[in-house]
């Protein structure tokens, strides 16, 4: 998908997320979302995320270009890492590729490519 603000493409390589000493996600099917001048955001397919570690949050936010985001905390041994994951369950038409994908805040988790 390409428009003047957002580009989505396959992210090459194997990607993983670690938080609280555990691997939360690992995939060869990540997506890269590029939005204007913001840093690239990596999205993980829900099927490749250890959803048992995630607790739904009441927090939401809205992007005029993507839609409404829902948030999750990560249940780690050291405690809840609040609102560290987000997902656009019903993204706007121009970015439907990220439906069913989750992304992780890099200041609260480690997101890396192998």
PDB file of N, CA and C in Angstrom:
ATOM      1  N   UNK A   1       0.845  -1.176   0.000  1.00  0.00           N
ATOM      2  CA  UNK A   1       0.000   0.000   0.000  1.00  0.00           C
ATOM      3  C   UNK A   1       0.887   1.233   0.000  1.00  0.00           C
ATOM      4  N   UNK A   2       0.567   2.209  -0.793  1.00  0.00           N
ATOM      5  CA  UNK A   2       1.347   3.436  -0.838  1.00  0.00           C
ATOM      6  C   UNK A   2       0.406   4.621  -0.965  1.00  0.00           C
ATOM      7  N   UNK A   3       0.603   5.627  -0.172  1.00  0.00           N
ATOM      8  CA  UNK A   3      -0.011   6.921  -0.382  1.00  0.00           C
ATOM      9  C   UNK A   3       0.993   7.953   0.070  1.00  0.00           C
ATOM     10  N   UNK A   4       0.612   9.200   0.150  1.00  0.00           N
ATOM     11  CA  UNK A   4       1.589  10.240   0.454  1.00  0.00           C
ATOM     12  C   UNK A   4       2.096  10.186   1.887  1.00  0.00           C
ATOM     13  N   UNK A   5       1.381   9.521   2.791  1.00  0.00           N
ATOM     14  CA  UNK A   5       1.772   9.505   4.202  1.00  0.00           C
ATOM     15  C   UNK A   5       2.299   8.161   4.686  1.00  0.00           C
ATOM     16  N   UNK A   6       1.737   7.063   4.183  1.00  0.00           N
ATOM     17  CA  UNK A   6       2.029   5.744   4.747  1.00  0.00           C
ATOM     18  C   UNK A   6       2.396   4.750   3.655  1.00  0.00           C
ATOM     19  N   UNK A   7       3.458   3.977   3.929  1.00  0.00           N
ATOM     20  CA  UNK A   7       3.849   2.866   3.070  1.00  0.00           C
ATOM     21  C   UNK A   7       3.976   1.627   3.940  1.00  0.00           C
ATOM     22  N   UNK A   8       3.421   0.516   3.488  1.00  0.00           N
ATOM     23  CA  UNK A   8       3.517  -0.756   4.202  1.00  0.00           C
ATOM     24  C   UNK A   8       4.141  -1.770   3.264  1.00  0.00           C
ATOM     25  N   UNK A   9       5.159  -2.492   3.781  1.00  0.00           N
ATOM     26  CA  UNK A   9       5.780  -3.548   2.988  1.00  0.00           C
ATOM     27  C   UNK A   9       6.254  -4.658   3.910  1.00  0.00           C
ATOM     28  N   UNK A  10       6.585  -5.791   3.330  1.00  0.00           N
ATOM     29  CA  UNK A  10       7.140  -6.905   4.109  1.00  0.00           C
ATOM     30  C   UNK A  10       8.476  -6.488   4.701  1.00  0.00           C
ATOM     31  N   UNK A  11       8.701  -6.885   5.939  1.00  0.00           N
ATOM     32  CA  UNK A  11       9.981  -6.626   6.605  1.00  0.00           C
ATOM     33  C   UNK A  11      10.863  -7.851   6.398  1.00  0.00           C
ATOM     34  N   UNK A  12      12.009  -7.664   5.785  1.00  0.00           N
ATOM     35  CA  UNK A  12      12.873  -8.814   5.497  1.00  0.00           C
ATOM     36  C   UNK A  12      13.501  -9.357   6.777  1.00  0.00           C
ATOM     37  N   UNK A  13      13.764 -10.652   6.765  1.00  0.00           N
ATOM     38  CA  UNK A  13      14.433 -11.300   7.886  1.00  0.00           C
ATOM     39  C   UNK A  13      13.470 -11.838   8.921  1.00  0.00           C
ATOM     40  N   UNK A  14      14.047 -12.362   9.982  1.00  0.00           N
ATOM     41  CA  UNK A  14      13.293 -12.863  11.126  1.00  0.00           C
ATOM     42  C   UNK A  14      13.323 -11.792  12.207  1.00  0.00           C
ATOM     43  N   UNK A  15      12.160 -11.484  12.751  1.00  0.00           N
ATOM     44  CA  UNK A  15      12.017 -10.449  13.771  1.00  0.00           C
ATOM     45  C   UNK A  15      11.558 -11.081  15.080  1.00  0.00           C
ATOM     46  N   UNK A  16      12.007 -10.508  16.194  1.00  0.00           N
ATOM     47  CA  UNK A  16      11.600 -10.998  17.512  1.00  0.00           C
ATOM     48  C   UNK A  16      11.385  -9.828  18.456  1.00  0.00           C
ATOM     49  N   UNK A  17      10.587 -10.092  19.492  1.00  0.00           N
ATOM     50  CA  UNK A  17      10.356  -9.127  20.571  1.00  0.00           C
ATOM     51  C   UNK A  17      10.655  -9.827  21.881  1.00  0.00           C
ATOM     52  N   UNK A  18      11.429  -9.158  22.726  1.00  0.00           N
ATOM     53  CA  UNK A  18      11.699  -9.644  24.079  1.00  0.00           C
ATOM     54  C   UNK A  18      11.253  -8.589  25.072  1.00  0.00           C
ATOM     55  N   UNK A  19      10.683  -9.076  26.164  1.00  0.00           N
ATOM     56  CA  UNK A  19      10.271  -8.174  27.245  1.00  0.00           C
ATOM     57  C   UNK A  19      10.263  -8.962  28.541  1.00  0.00           C
ATOM     58  N   UNK A  20      10.761  -8.357  29.585  1.00  0.00           N
ATOM     59  CA  UNK A  20      10.748  -9.014  30.887  1.00  0.00           C
ATOM     60  C   UNK A  20      11.436 -10.359  30.892  1.00  0.00           C
ATOM     61  N   UNK A  21      12.467 -10.543  30.050  1.00  0.00           N
ATOM     62  CA  UNK A  21      13.219 -11.781  30.015  1.00  0.00           C
ATOM     63  C   UNK A  21      12.599 -12.892  29.190  1.00  0.00           C
ATOM     64  N   UNK A  22      11.495 -12.609  28.496  1.00  0.00           N
ATOM     65  CA  UNK A  22      10.826 -13.637  27.694  1.00  0.00           C
ATOM     66  C   UNK A  22      10.720 -13.199  26.242  1.00  0.00           C
ATOM     67  N   UNK A  23      10.703 -14.178  25.347  1.00  0.00           N
ATOM     68  CA  UNK A  23      10.434 -13.892  23.936  1.00  0.00           C
ATOM     69  C   UNK A  23       8.918 -13.817  23.799  1.00  0.00           C
ATOM     70  N   UNK A  24       8.432 -12.673  23.368  1.00  0.00           N
ATOM     71  CA  UNK A  24       6.999 -12.424  23.259  1.00  0.00           C
ATOM     72  C   UNK A  24       6.501 -12.706  21.842  1.00  0.00           C
ATOM     73  N   UNK A  25       7.370 -12.506  20.858  1.00  0.00           N
ATOM     74  CA  UNK A  25       6.979 -12.727  19.460  1.00  0.00           C
ATOM     75  C   UNK A  25       8.207 -13.074  18.639  1.00  0.00           C
ATOM     76  N   UNK A  26       7.983 -13.876  17.593  1.00  0.00           N
ATOM     77  CA  UNK A  26       9.028 -14.175  16.622  1.00  0.00           C
ATOM     78  C   UNK A  26       8.352 -14.523  15.303  1.00  0.00           C
ATOM     79  N   UNK A  27       8.823 -13.900  14.223  1.00  0.00           N
ATOM     80  CA  UNK A  27       8.171 -14.121  12.933  1.00  0.00           C
ATOM     81  C   UNK A  27       9.104 -13.869  11.764  1.00  0.00           C
ATOM     82  N   UNK A  28       8.786 -14.521  10.655  1.00  0.00           N
ATOM     83  CA  UNK A  28       9.410 -14.242   9.359  1.00  0.00           C
ATOM     84  C   UNK A  28       8.432 -13.459   8.479  1.00  0.00           C
ATOM     85  N   UNK A  29       7.283 -13.064   9.055  1.00  0.00           N
ATOM     86  CA  UNK A  29       6.218 -12.421   8.286  1.00  0.00           C
ATOM     87  C   UNK A  29       5.857 -11.038   8.816  1.00  0.00           C
ATOM     88  N   UNK A  30       6.833 -10.304   9.323  1.00  0.00           N
ATOM     89  CA  UNK A  30       6.583  -8.958   9.849  1.00  0.00           C
ATOM     90  C   UNK A  30       6.316  -7.976   8.708  1.00  0.00           C
ATOM     91  N   UNK A  31       5.655  -6.894   9.064  1.00  0.00           N
ATOM     92  CA  UNK A  31       5.421  -5.789   8.138  1.00  0.00           C
ATOM     93  C   UNK A  31       6.113  -4.547   8.655  1.00  0.00           C
ATOM     94  N   UNK A  32       6.603  -3.715   7.732  1.00  0.00           N
ATOM     95  CA  UNK A  32       7.168  -2.396   8.058  1.00  0.00           C
ATOM     96  C   UNK A  32       6.152  -1.339   7.675  1.00  0.00           C
ATOM     97  N   UNK A  33       5.849  -0.450   8.608  1.00  0.00           N
ATOM     98  CA  UNK A  33       4.977   0.673   8.301  1.00  0.00           C
ATOM     99  C   UNK A  33       5.816   1.940   8.377  1.00  0.00           C
ATOM    100  N   UNK A  34       5.863   2.666   7.270  1.00  0.00           N
ATOM    101  CA  UNK A  34       6.567   3.950   7.188  1.00  0.00           C
ATOM    102  C   UNK A  34       5.498   5.036   7.128  1.00  0.00           C
ATOM    103  N   UNK A  35       5.551   5.980   8.059  1.00  0.00           N
ATOM    104  CA  UNK A  35       4.594   7.087   8.075  1.00  0.00           C
ATOM    105  C   UNK A  35       5.347   8.403   8.152  1.00  0.00           C
ATOM    106  N   UNK A  36       5.278   9.174   7.085  1.00  0.00           N
ATOM    107  CA  UNK A  36       5.910  10.490   6.997  1.00  0.00           C
ATOM    108  C   UNK A  36       7.326  10.457   7.535  1.00  0.00           C
ATOM    109  N   UNK A  37       7.620  11.317   8.506  1.00  0.00           N
ATOM    110  CA  UNK A  37       8.964  11.431   9.065  1.00  0.00           C
ATOM    111  C   UNK A  37       9.157  10.616  10.350  1.00  0.00           C
ATOM    112  N   UNK A  38       8.175   9.778  10.700  1.00  0.00           N
ATOM    113  CA  UNK A  38       8.280   8.968  11.906  1.00  0.00           C
ATOM    114  C   UNK A  38       9.201   7.776  11.672  1.00  0.00           C
ATOM    115  N   UNK A  39       9.788   7.228  12.754  1.00  0.00           N
ATOM    116  CA  UNK A  39      10.598   6.020  12.594  1.00  0.00           C
ATOM    117  C   UNK A  39       9.738   4.860  12.068  1.00  0.00           C
ATOM    118  N   UNK A  40      10.369   3.928  11.387  1.00  0.00           N
ATOM    119  CA  UNK A  40       9.685   2.738  10.879  1.00  0.00           C
ATOM    120  C   UNK A  40       9.124   1.949  12.060  1.00  0.00           C
ATOM    121  N   UNK A  41       7.916   1.426  11.888  1.00  0.00           N
ATOM    122  CA  UNK A  41       7.268   0.606  12.916  1.00  0.00           C
ATOM    123  C   UNK A  41       7.111  -0.810  12.361  1.00  0.00           C
ATOM    124  N   UNK A  42       7.500  -1.800  13.154  1.00  0.00           N
ATOM    125  CA  UNK A  42       7.392  -3.202  12.762  1.00  0.00           C
ATOM    126  C   UNK A  42       6.123  -3.785  13.377  1.00  0.00           C
ATOM    127  N   UNK A  43       5.349  -4.463  12.539  1.00  0.00           N
ATOM    128  CA  UNK A  43       4.111  -5.119  12.969  1.00  0.00           C
ATOM    129  C   UNK A  43       4.274  -6.631  12.849  1.00  0.00           C
ATOM    130  N   UNK A  44       3.826  -7.337  13.891  1.00  0.00           N
ATOM    131  CA  UNK A  44       3.934  -8.794  13.990  1.00  0.00           C
ATOM    132  C   UNK A  44       2.566  -9.430  13.811  1.00  0.00           C
ATOM    133  N   UNK A  45       2.465 -10.500  13.017  1.00  0.00           N
ATOM    134  CA  UNK A  45       1.181 -11.199  12.908  1.00  0.00           C
ATOM    135  C   UNK A  45       0.764 -11.742  14.273  1.00  0.00           C
ATOM    136  N   UNK A  46      -0.490 -11.588  14.611  1.00  0.00           N
ATOM    137  CA  UNK A  46      -1.009 -12.035  15.902  1.00  0.00           C
ATOM    138  C   UNK A  46      -0.694 -13.515  16.141  1.00  0.00           C
ATOM    139  N   UNK A  47      -0.726 -14.338  15.095  1.00  0.00           N
ATOM    140  CA  UNK A  47      -0.471 -15.776  15.256  1.00  0.00           C
ATOM    141  C   UNK A  47       0.963 -16.060  15.704  1.00  0.00           C
ATOM    142  N   UNK A  48       1.874 -15.094  15.541  1.00  0.00           N
ATOM    143  CA  UNK A  48       3.269 -15.272  15.930  1.00  0.00           C
ATOM    144  C   UNK A  48       3.622 -14.548  17.232  1.00  0.00           C
ATOM    145  N   UNK A  49       2.603 -14.105  17.961  1.00  0.00           N
ATOM    146  CA  UNK A  49       2.778 -13.409  19.243  1.00  0.00           C
ATOM    147  C   UNK A  49       2.238 -14.302  20.350  1.00  0.00           C
ATOM    148  N   UNK A  50       2.975 -14.387  21.450  1.00  0.00           N
ATOM    149  CA  UNK A  50       2.533 -15.168  22.613  1.00  0.00           C
ATOM    150  C   UNK A  50       1.454 -14.365  23.344  1.00  0.00           C
ATOM    151  N   UNK A  51       0.224 -14.487  22.852  1.00  0.00           N
ATOM    152  CA  UNK A  51      -0.885 -13.686  23.359  1.00  0.00           C
ATOM    153  C   UNK A  51      -1.169 -13.957  24.841  1.00  0.00           C
ATOM    154  N   UNK A  52      -0.745 -15.100  25.368  1.00  0.00           N
ATOM    155  CA  UNK A  52      -0.954 -15.408  26.781  1.00  0.00           C
ATOM    156  C   UNK A  52      -0.233 -14.415  27.690  1.00  0.00           C
ATOM    157  N   UNK A  53       0.815 -13.743  27.171  1.00  0.00           N
ATOM    158  CA  UNK A  53       1.553 -12.746  27.953  1.00  0.00           C
ATOM    159  C   UNK A  53       0.889 -11.369  27.920  1.00  0.00           C
ATOM    160  N   UNK A  54      -0.109 -11.178  27.051  1.00  0.00           N
ATOM    161  CA  UNK A  54      -0.702  -9.854  26.865  1.00  0.00           C
ATOM    162  C   UNK A  54      -2.017  -9.710  27.610  1.00  0.00           C
ATOM    163  N   UNK A  55      -2.186  -8.553  28.247  1.00  0.00           N
ATOM    164  CA  UNK A  55      -3.425  -8.209  28.937  1.00  0.00           C
ATOM    165  C   UNK A  55      -4.011  -6.976  28.259  1.00  0.00           C
ATOM    166  N   UNK A  56      -5.260  -7.081  27.803  1.00  0.00           N
ATOM    167  CA  UNK A  56      -5.918  -5.948  27.148  1.00  0.00           C
ATOM    168  C   UNK A  56      -6.002  -4.767  28.112  1.00  0.00           C
ATOM    169  N   UNK A  57      -5.803  -3.586  27.577  1.00  0.00           N
ATOM    170  CA  UNK A  57      -5.850  -2.342  28.338  1.00  0.00           C
ATOM    171  C   UNK A  57      -7.103  -1.569  27.927  1.00  0.00           C
ATOM    172  N   UNK A  58      -7.513  -0.645  28.757  1.00  0.00           N
ATOM    173  CA  UNK A  58      -8.639   0.234  28.406  1.00  0.00           C
ATOM    174  C   UNK A  58      -8.187   1.387  27.520  1.00  0.00           C
ATOM    175  N   UNK A  59      -6.881   1.579  27.388  1.00  0.00           N
ATOM    176  CA  UNK A  59      -6.360   2.701  26.602  1.00  0.00           C
ATOM    177  C   UNK A  59      -6.639   2.508  25.111  1.00  0.00           C
ATOM    178  N   UNK A  60      -6.986   3.593  24.455  1.00  0.00           N
ATOM    179  CA  UNK A  60      -7.123   3.631  23.000  1.00  0.00           C
ATOM    180  C   UNK A  60      -6.533   4.936  22.511  1.00  0.00           C
ATOM    181  N   UNK A  61      -6.251   5.007  21.232  1.00  0.00           N
ATOM    182  CA  UNK A  61      -5.833   6.261  20.599  1.00  0.00           C
ATOM    183  C   UNK A  61      -6.319   6.213  19.161  1.00  0.00           C
ATOM    184  N   UNK A  62      -6.354   7.357  18.522  1.00  0.00           N
ATOM    185  CA  UNK A  62      -6.851   7.412  17.151  1.00  0.00           C
ATOM    186  C   UNK A  62      -5.857   8.142  16.263  1.00  0.00           C
ATOM    187  N   UNK A  63      -5.544   7.525  15.144  1.00  0.00           N
ATOM    188  CA  UNK A  63      -4.733   8.138  14.093  1.00  0.00           C
ATOM    189  C   UNK A  63      -5.676   8.489  12.956  1.00  0.00           C
ATOM    190  N   UNK A  64      -5.616   9.720  12.439  1.00  0.00           N
ATOM    191  CA  UNK A  64      -6.496  10.070  11.325  1.00  0.00           C
ATOM    192  C   UNK A  64      -6.178   9.293  10.053  1.00  0.00           C
ATOM    193  N   UNK A  65      -4.995   8.672   9.977  1.00  0.00           N
ATOM    194  CA  UNK A  65      -4.574   7.960   8.778  1.00  0.00           C
ATOM    195  C   UNK A  65      -4.662   6.439   8.905  1.00  0.00           C
ATOM    196  N   UNK A  66      -4.757   5.944  10.165  1.00  0.00           N
ATOM    197  CA  UNK A  66      -4.754   4.492  10.380  1.00  0.00           C
ATOM    198  C   UNK A  66      -6.044   4.019  11.045  1.00  0.00           C
ATOM    199  N   UNK A  67      -6.562   4.756  12.010  1.00  0.00           N
ATOM    200  CA  UNK A  67      -7.783   4.368  12.712  1.00  0.00           C
ATOM    201  C   UNK A  67      -7.574   4.338  14.206  1.00  0.00           C
ATOM    202  N   UNK A  68      -8.417   3.549  14.909  1.00  0.00           N
ATOM    203  CA  UNK A  68      -8.342   3.473  16.364  1.00  0.00           C
ATOM    204  C   UNK A  68      -7.463   2.307  16.799  1.00  0.00           C
ATOM    205  N   UNK A  69      -6.517   2.606  17.691  1.00  0.00           N
ATOM    206  CA  UNK A  69      -5.611   1.592  18.233  1.00  0.00           C
ATOM    207  C   UNK A  69      -6.108   1.117  19.586  1.00  0.00           C
ATOM    208  N   UNK A  70      -5.973  -0.182  19.813  1.00  0.00           N
ATOM    209  CA  UNK A  70      -6.219  -0.793  21.115  1.00  0.00           C
ATOM    210  C   UNK A  70      -4.862  -1.175  21.696  1.00  0.00           C
ATOM    211  N   UNK A  71      -4.755  -1.140  23.019  1.00  0.00           N
ATOM    212  CA  UNK A  71      -3.477  -1.380  23.672  1.00  0.00           C
ATOM    213  C   UNK A  71      -3.519  -2.616  24.567  1.00  0.00           C
ATOM    214  N   UNK A  72      -2.320  -3.143  24.818  1.00  0.00           N
ATOM    215  CA  UNK A  72      -2.128  -4.291  25.692  1.00  0.00           C
ATOM    216  C   UNK A  72      -0.918  -4.025  26.579  1.00  0.00           C
ATOM    217  N   UNK A  73      -0.940  -4.600  27.780  1.00  0.00           N
ATOM    218  CA  UNK A  73       0.238  -4.651  28.620  1.00  0.00           C
ATOM    219  C   UNK A  73       0.848  -6.036  28.504  1.00  0.00           C
ATOM    220  N   UNK A  74       2.124  -6.137  28.837  1.00  0.00           N
ATOM    221  CA  UNK A  74       2.801  -7.429  28.835  1.00  0.00           C
ATOM    222  C   UNK A  74       2.963  -7.883  30.281  1.00  0.00           C
ATOM    223  N   UNK A  75       2.449  -9.072  30.593  1.00  0.00           N
ATOM    224  CA  UNK A  75       2.576  -9.645  31.927  1.00  0.00           C
ATOM    225  C   UNK A  75       3.952 -10.292  32.040  1.00  0.00           C
ATOM    226  N   UNK A  76       4.875  -9.581  32.669  1.00  0.00           N
ATOM    227  CA  UNK A  76       6.253 -10.056  32.836  1.00  0.00           C
ATOM    228  C   UNK A  76       6.452 -10.512  34.281  1.00  0.00           C
ATOM    229  N   UNK A  77       7.510 -11.277  34.519  1.00  0.00           N
ATOM    230  CA  UNK A  77       7.818 -11.727  35.878  1.00  0.00           C
ATOM    231  C   UNK A  77       7.971 -10.550  36.834  1.00  0.00           C
ATOM    232  N   UNK A  78       8.530  -9.462  36.348  1.00  0.00           N
ATOM    233  CA  UNK A  78       8.767  -8.278  37.178  1.00  0.00           C
ATOM    234  C   UNK A  78       7.521  -7.415  37.350  1.00  0.00           C
ATOM    235  N   UNK A  79       6.430  -7.759  36.665  1.00  0.00           N
ATOM    236  CA  UNK A  79       5.198  -6.983  36.750  1.00  0.00           C
ATOM    237  C   UNK A  79       4.693  -6.595  35.368  1.00  0.00           C
ATOM    238  N   UNK A  80       3.579  -5.916  35.346  1.00  0.00           N
ATOM    239  CA  UNK A  80       2.955  -5.524  34.087  1.00  0.00           C
ATOM    240  C   UNK A  80       3.743  -4.410  33.408  1.00  0.00           C
ATOM    241  N   UNK A  81       4.047  -4.592  32.146  1.00  0.00           N
ATOM    242  CA  UNK A  81       4.645  -3.537  31.324  1.00  0.00           C
ATOM    243  C   UNK A  81       3.468  -2.896  30.591  1.00  0.00           C
ATOM    244  N   UNK A  82       2.912  -1.857  31.201  1.00  0.00           N
ATOM    245  CA  UNK A  82       1.636  -1.285  30.772  1.00  0.00           C
ATOM    246  C   UNK A  82       1.705  -0.661  29.385  1.00  0.00           C
ATOM    247  N   UNK A  83       0.634  -0.849  28.635  1.00  0.00           N
ATOM    248  CA  UNK A  83       0.433  -0.192  27.334  1.00  0.00           C
ATOM    249  C   UNK A  83       1.681  -0.229  26.453  1.00  0.00           C
ATOM    250  N   UNK A  84       2.271  -1.399  26.352  1.00  0.00           N
ATOM    251  CA  UNK A  84       3.511  -1.552  25.597  1.00  0.00           C
ATOM    252  C   UNK A  84       3.299  -2.138  24.207  1.00  0.00           C
ATOM    253  N   UNK A  85       2.055  -2.502  23.893  1.00  0.00           N
ATOM    254  CA  UNK A  85       1.709  -3.143  22.630  1.00  0.00           C
ATOM    255  C   UNK A  85       0.448  -2.478  22.095  1.00  0.00           C
ATOM    256  N   UNK A  86       0.359  -2.309  20.785  1.00  0.00           N
ATOM    257  CA  UNK A  86      -0.886  -1.796  20.212  1.00  0.00           C
ATOM    258  C   UNK A  86      -1.254  -2.537  18.950  1.00  0.00           C
ATOM    259  N   UNK A  87      -2.532  -2.423  18.610  1.00  0.00           N
ATOM    260  CA  UNK A  87      -3.065  -3.084  17.430  1.00  0.00           C
ATOM    261  C   UNK A  87      -4.208  -2.247  16.877  1.00  0.00           C
ATOM    262  N   UNK A  88      -4.282  -2.167  15.567  1.00  0.00           N
ATOM    263  CA  UNK A  88      -5.429  -1.553  14.901  1.00  0.00           C
ATOM    264  C   UNK A  88      -6.321  -2.699  14.446  1.00  0.00           C
ATOM    265  N   UNK A  89      -7.350  -2.993  15.229  1.00  0.00           N
ATOM    266  CA  UNK A  89      -8.220  -4.139  14.946  1.00  0.00           C
ATOM    267  C   UNK A  89      -9.005  -3.934  13.652  1.00  0.00           C
ATOM    268  N   UNK A  90      -9.420  -2.716  13.390  1.00  0.00           N
ATOM    269  CA  UNK A  90     -10.187  -2.372  12.194  1.00  0.00           C
ATOM    270  C   UNK A  90      -9.574  -1.136  11.543  1.00  0.00           C
ATOM    271  N   UNK A  91      -8.386  -1.273  10.963  1.00  0.00           N
ATOM    272  CA  UNK A  91      -7.726  -0.097  10.378  1.00  0.00           C
ATOM    273  C   UNK A  91      -8.516   0.454   9.192  1.00  0.00           C
ATOM    274  N   UNK A  92      -8.227   1.686   8.862  1.00  0.00           N
ATOM    275  CA  UNK A  92      -8.886   2.326   7.728  1.00  0.00           C
ATOM    276  C   UNK A  92      -8.542   1.589   6.433  1.00  0.00           C
ATOM    277  N   UNK A  93      -9.360   1.795   5.416  1.00  0.00           N
ATOM    278  CA  UNK A  93      -9.230   1.053   4.153  1.00  0.00           C
ATOM    279  C   UNK A  93      -7.834   1.095   3.547  1.00  0.00           C
ATOM    280  N   UNK A  94      -7.149   2.214   3.601  1.00  0.00           N
ATOM    281  CA  UNK A  94      -5.843   2.330   2.965  1.00  0.00           C
ATOM    282  C   UNK A  94      -4.715   1.577   3.646  1.00  0.00           C
ATOM    283  N   UNK A  95      -4.981   1.044   4.853  1.00  0.00           N
ATOM    284  CA  UNK A  95      -3.927   0.348   5.620  1.00  0.00           C
ATOM    285  C   UNK A  95      -4.426  -0.992   6.179  1.00  0.00           C
ATOM    286  N   UNK A  96      -5.355  -1.611   5.476  1.00  0.00           N
ATOM    287  CA  UNK A  96      -5.961  -2.878   5.926  1.00  0.00           C
ATOM    288  C   UNK A  96      -4.932  -3.983   6.151  1.00  0.00           C
ATOM    289  N   UNK A  97      -3.754  -3.876   5.522  1.00  0.00           N
ATOM    290  CA  UNK A  97      -2.724  -4.921   5.668  1.00  0.00           C
ATOM    291  C   UNK A  97      -2.341  -5.179   7.118  1.00  0.00           C
ATOM    292  N   UNK A  98      -2.466  -4.167   8.009  1.00  0.00           N
ATOM    293  CA  UNK A  98      -2.028  -4.351   9.391  1.00  0.00           C
ATOM    294  C   UNK A  98      -3.121  -4.907  10.305  1.00  0.00           C
ATOM    295  N   UNK A  99      -4.320  -5.154   9.774  1.00  0.00           N
ATOM    296  CA  UNK A  99      -5.360  -5.798  10.588  1.00  0.00           C
ATOM    297  C   UNK A  99      -4.841  -7.167  11.021  1.00  0.00           C
ATOM    298  N   UNK A 100      -5.008  -7.500  12.298  1.00  0.00           N
ATOM    299  CA  UNK A 100      -4.522  -8.783  12.802  1.00  0.00           C
ATOM    300  C   UNK A 100      -3.046  -8.771  13.162  1.00  0.00           C
ATOM    301  N   UNK A 101      -2.420  -7.602  13.149  1.00  0.00           N
ATOM    302  CA  UNK A 101      -1.006  -7.456  13.504  1.00  0.00           C
ATOM    303  C   UNK A 101      -0.882  -6.615  14.769  1.00  0.00           C
ATOM    304  N   UNK A 102       0.228  -6.790  15.481  1.00  0.00           N
ATOM    305  CA  UNK A 102       0.521  -6.043  16.698  1.00  0.00           C
ATOM    306  C   UNK A 102       1.888  -5.392  16.567  1.00  0.00           C
ATOM    307  N   UNK A 103       2.043  -4.263  17.243  1.00  0.00           N
ATOM    308  CA  UNK A 103       3.337  -3.595  17.278  1.00  0.00           C
ATOM    309  C   UNK A 103       3.713  -3.301  18.726  1.00  0.00           C
ATOM    310  N   UNK A 104       5.014  -3.138  18.976  1.00  0.00           N
ATOM    311  CA  UNK A 104       5.547  -3.031  20.328  1.00  0.00           C
ATOM    312  C   UNK A 104       6.365  -1.755  20.483  1.00  0.00           C
ATOM    313  N   UNK A 105       6.172  -1.047  21.604  1.00  0.00           N
ATOM    314  CA  UNK A 105       6.982   0.147  21.876  1.00  0.00           C
ATOM    315  C   UNK A 105       8.424  -0.280  22.131  1.00  0.00           C
ATOM    316  N   UNK A 106       9.338   0.305  21.390  1.00  0.00           N
ATOM    317  CA  UNK A 106      10.747  -0.069  21.507  1.00  0.00           C
ATOM    318  C   UNK A 106      11.413   0.502  22.748  1.00  0.00           C
ATOM    319  N   UNK A 107      10.760   1.439  23.451  1.00  0.00           N
ATOM    320  CA  UNK A 107      11.320   1.915  24.707  1.00  0.00           C
ATOM    321  C   UNK A 107      10.860   1.058  25.899  1.00  0.00           C
ATOM    322  N   UNK A 108       9.942   0.107  25.638  1.00  0.00           N
ATOM    323  CA  UNK A 108       9.452  -0.785  26.683  1.00  0.00           C
ATOM    324  C   UNK A 108       9.788  -2.249  26.409  1.00  0.00           C
ATOM    325  N   UNK A 109      10.199  -2.544  25.178  1.00  0.00           N
ATOM    326  CA  UNK A 109      10.547  -3.905  24.761  1.00  0.00           C
ATOM    327  C   UNK A 109      11.792  -3.831  23.865  1.00  0.00           C
ATOM    328  N   UNK A 110      12.321  -4.992  23.535  1.00  0.00           N
ATOM    329  CA  UNK A 110      13.419  -5.078  22.564  1.00  0.00           C
ATOM    330  C   UNK A 110      12.868  -5.704  21.294  1.00  0.00           C
ATOM    331  N   UNK A 111      12.887  -4.942  20.217  1.00  0.00           N
ATOM    332  CA  UNK A 111      12.440  -5.426  18.906  1.00  0.00           C
ATOM    333  C   UNK A 111      13.690  -5.512  18.039  1.00  0.00           C
ATOM    334  N   UNK A 112      13.955  -6.712  17.514  1.00  0.00           N
ATOM    335  CA  UNK A 112      15.191  -6.870  16.742  1.00  0.00           C
ATOM    336  C   UNK A 112      15.009  -7.807  15.560  1.00  0.00           C
ATOM    337  N   UNK A 113      15.855  -7.602  14.573  1.00  0.00           N
ATOM    338  CA  UNK A 113      15.870  -8.466  13.391  1.00  0.00           C
ATOM    339  C   UNK A 113      17.119  -9.335  13.448  1.00  0.00           C
ATOM    340  N   UNK A 114      16.959 -10.595  13.074  1.00  0.00           N
ATOM    341  CA  UNK A 114      18.091 -11.543  13.036  1.00  0.00           C
ATOM    342  C   UNK A 114      18.609 -11.665  11.633  1.00  0.00           C
TER     343      UNK A 114
END
